[in-house]
Amino acid sequence: MDVNPPGFDIIDVAWRLCAAVAVGMLLFVTVSVYHMWLGMQVIIEDYVHEELTKFAVLMCNTFFSCAVGLAGVFAILKLSFGL
């Protein structure tokens, strides 16, 4: 007799309940988003020459990076802890 909910196996349930895995995933998402933000910042500074446009695009880069990071953190917390 299968006691797991339909569509879930014991491995899936086990990794979702492990806080160490959640912390590792949070660190990975945080470092990846920071790396993305820095890389895009360097590209923008190198290839956008008008100061006003550069400022606007850098602000968009910052807001986009924050949004992606927050979405990733929320998704991990939602999957791991059911928040």
C-alpha atoms as a PDB file:
ATOM      1  CA  MET A   1       0.000   0.000   0.000  1.00  0.00           C
ATOM      2  CA  ASP A   2       1.319   3.452  -0.976  1.00  0.00           C
ATOM      3  CA  VAL A   3       1.009   6.045   1.798  1.00  0.00           C
ATOM      4  CA  ASN A   4       2.451   8.951  -0.216  1.00  0.00           C
ATOM      5  CA  PRO A   5       0.142  11.520  -1.837  1.00  0.00           C
ATOM      6  CA  PRO A   6      -0.435  10.988  -5.557  1.00  0.00           C
ATOM      7  CA  GLY A   7       2.411  12.386  -7.625  1.00  0.00           C
ATOM      8  CA  PHE A   8       4.936  12.367  -4.769  1.00  0.00           C
ATOM      9  CA  ASP A   9       7.542   9.806  -3.937  1.00  0.00           C
ATOM     10  CA  ILE A  10       9.523   9.545  -0.710  1.00  0.00           C
ATOM     11  CA  ILE A  11      12.628  11.188  -2.209  1.00  0.00           C
ATOM     12  CA  ASP A  12      10.646  14.243  -3.282  1.00  0.00           C
ATOM     13  CA  VAL A  13       9.074  14.646   0.136  1.00  0.00           C
ATOM     14  CA  ALA A  14      12.381  14.085   1.940  1.00  0.00           C
ATOM     15  CA  TRP A  15      14.393  16.756   0.106  1.00  0.00           C
ATOM     16  CA  ARG A  16      11.618  19.297   0.473  1.00  0.00           C
ATOM     17  CA  LEU A  17      11.581  18.853   4.233  1.00  0.00           C
ATOM     18  CA  CYS A  18      15.328  19.125   4.700  1.00  0.00           C
ATOM     19  CA  ALA A  19      16.322  22.590   5.918  1.00  0.00           C
ATOM     20  CA  ALA A  20      19.950  22.102   4.880  1.00  0.00           C
ATOM     21  CA  VAL A  21      18.904  21.675   1.253  1.00  0.00           C
ATOM     22  CA  ALA A  22      16.790  24.831   1.467  1.00  0.00           C
ATOM     23  CA  VAL A  23      19.709  26.813   2.874  1.00  0.00           C
ATOM     24  CA  GLY A  24      21.967  25.534   0.101  1.00  0.00           C
ATOM     25  CA  MET A  25      19.440  26.480  -2.558  1.00  0.00           C
ATOM     26  CA  LEU A  26      18.982  29.941  -1.006  1.00  0.00           C
ATOM     27  CA  LEU A  27      22.732  30.507  -1.057  1.00  0.00           C
ATOM     28  CA  PHE A  28      22.933  29.345  -4.673  1.00  0.00           C
ATOM     29  CA  VAL A  29      20.128  31.657  -5.812  1.00  0.00           C
ATOM     30  CA  THR A  30      21.585  34.606  -3.896  1.00  0.00           C
ATOM     31  CA  VAL A  31      25.086  34.162  -5.302  1.00  0.00           C
ATOM     32  CA  SER A  32      23.764  33.547  -8.824  1.00  0.00           C
ATOM     33  CA  VAL A  33      21.618  36.681  -8.812  1.00  0.00           C
ATOM     34  CA  TYR A  34      24.510  38.749  -7.440  1.00  0.00           C
ATOM     35  CA  HIS A  35      26.765  37.363 -10.180  1.00  0.00           C
ATOM     36  CA  MET A  36      24.125  38.225 -12.794  1.00  0.00           C
ATOM     37  CA  TRP A  37      23.774  41.757 -11.421  1.00  0.00           C
ATOM     38  CA  LEU A  38      27.529  42.390 -11.444  1.00  0.00           C
ATOM     39  CA  GLY A  39      27.980  40.945 -14.932  1.00  0.00           C
ATOM     40  CA  MET A  40      25.185  43.012 -16.417  1.00  0.00           C
ATOM     41  CA  GLN A  41      26.500  46.112 -14.653  1.00  0.00           C
ATOM     42  CA  VAL A  42      29.919  45.700 -16.272  1.00  0.00           C
ATOM     43  CA  ILE A  43      28.382  45.135 -19.700  1.00  0.00           C
ATOM     44  CA  ILE A  44      26.161  48.205 -19.339  1.00  0.00           C
ATOM     45  CA  GLU A  45      29.036  50.391 -18.150  1.00  0.00           C
ATOM     46  CA  ASP A  46      31.197  49.256 -21.070  1.00  0.00           C
ATOM     47  CA  TYR A  47      28.681  49.540 -23.907  1.00  0.00           C
ATOM     48  CA  VAL A  48      26.221  52.294 -22.942  1.00  0.00           C
ATOM     49  CA  HIS A  49      27.898  55.659 -23.438  1.00  0.00           C
ATOM     50  CA  GLU A  50      25.219  58.265 -22.733  1.00  0.00           C
ATOM     51  CA  GLU A  51      25.130  59.019 -18.998  1.00  0.00           C
ATOM     52  CA  LEU A  52      21.372  59.400 -18.587  1.00  0.00           C
ATOM     53  CA  THR A  53      20.669  56.187 -20.486  1.00  0.00           C
ATOM     54  CA  LYS A  54      23.397  54.392 -18.542  1.00  0.00           C
ATOM     55  CA  PHE A  55      21.867  55.513 -15.240  1.00  0.00           C
ATOM     56  CA  ALA A  56      18.375  54.404 -16.294  1.00  0.00           C
ATOM     57  CA  VAL A  57      19.547  51.012 -17.528  1.00  0.00           C
ATOM     58  CA  LEU A  58      21.624  50.433 -14.384  1.00  0.00           C
ATOM     59  CA  MET A  59      18.553  51.189 -12.269  1.00  0.00           C
ATOM     60  CA  CYS A  60      16.489  48.740 -14.340  1.00  0.00           C
ATOM     61  CA  ASN A  61      19.237  46.145 -13.911  1.00  0.00           C
ATOM     62  CA  THR A  62      19.153  46.607 -10.135  1.00  0.00           C
ATOM     63  CA  PHE A  63      15.366  46.365  -9.911  1.00  0.00           C
ATOM     64  CA  PHE A  64      15.247  43.348 -12.224  1.00  0.00           C
ATOM     65  CA  SER A  65      17.963  41.560 -10.244  1.00  0.00           C
ATOM     66  CA  CYS A  66      16.141  42.241  -6.986  1.00  0.00           C
ATOM     67  CA  ALA A  67      12.869  40.970  -8.450  1.00  0.00           C
ATOM     68  CA  VAL A  68      14.485  37.767  -9.736  1.00  0.00           C
ATOM     69  CA  GLY A  69      16.218  37.209  -6.407  1.00  0.00           C
ATOM     70  CA  LEU A  70      13.067  37.766  -4.378  1.00  0.00           C
ATOM     71  CA  ALA A  71      11.064  35.479  -6.668  1.00  0.00           C
ATOM     72  CA  GLY A  72      13.687  32.749  -6.297  1.00  0.00           C
ATOM     73  CA  VAL A  73      13.855  33.094  -2.524  1.00  0.00           C
ATOM     74  CA  PHE A  74      10.060  33.084  -2.252  1.00  0.00           C
ATOM     75  CA  ALA A  75       9.805  29.974  -4.432  1.00  0.00           C
ATOM     76  CA  ILE A  76      12.377  28.097  -2.345  1.00  0.00           C
ATOM     77  CA  LEU A  77      10.724  29.093   0.929  1.00  0.00           C
ATOM     78  CA  LYS A  78       7.314  28.158  -0.438  1.00  0.00           C
ATOM     79  CA  LEU A  79       8.501  24.729  -1.588  1.00  0.00           C
ATOM     80  CA  SER A  80      10.615  23.965   1.459  1.00  0.00           C
ATOM     81  CA  PHE A  81       8.578  25.349   4.330  1.00  0.00           C
ATOM     82  CA  GLY A  82       5.149  25.949   2.846  1.00  0.00           C
ATOM     83  CA  LEU A  83       5.227  29.674   3.640  1.00  0.00           C
END
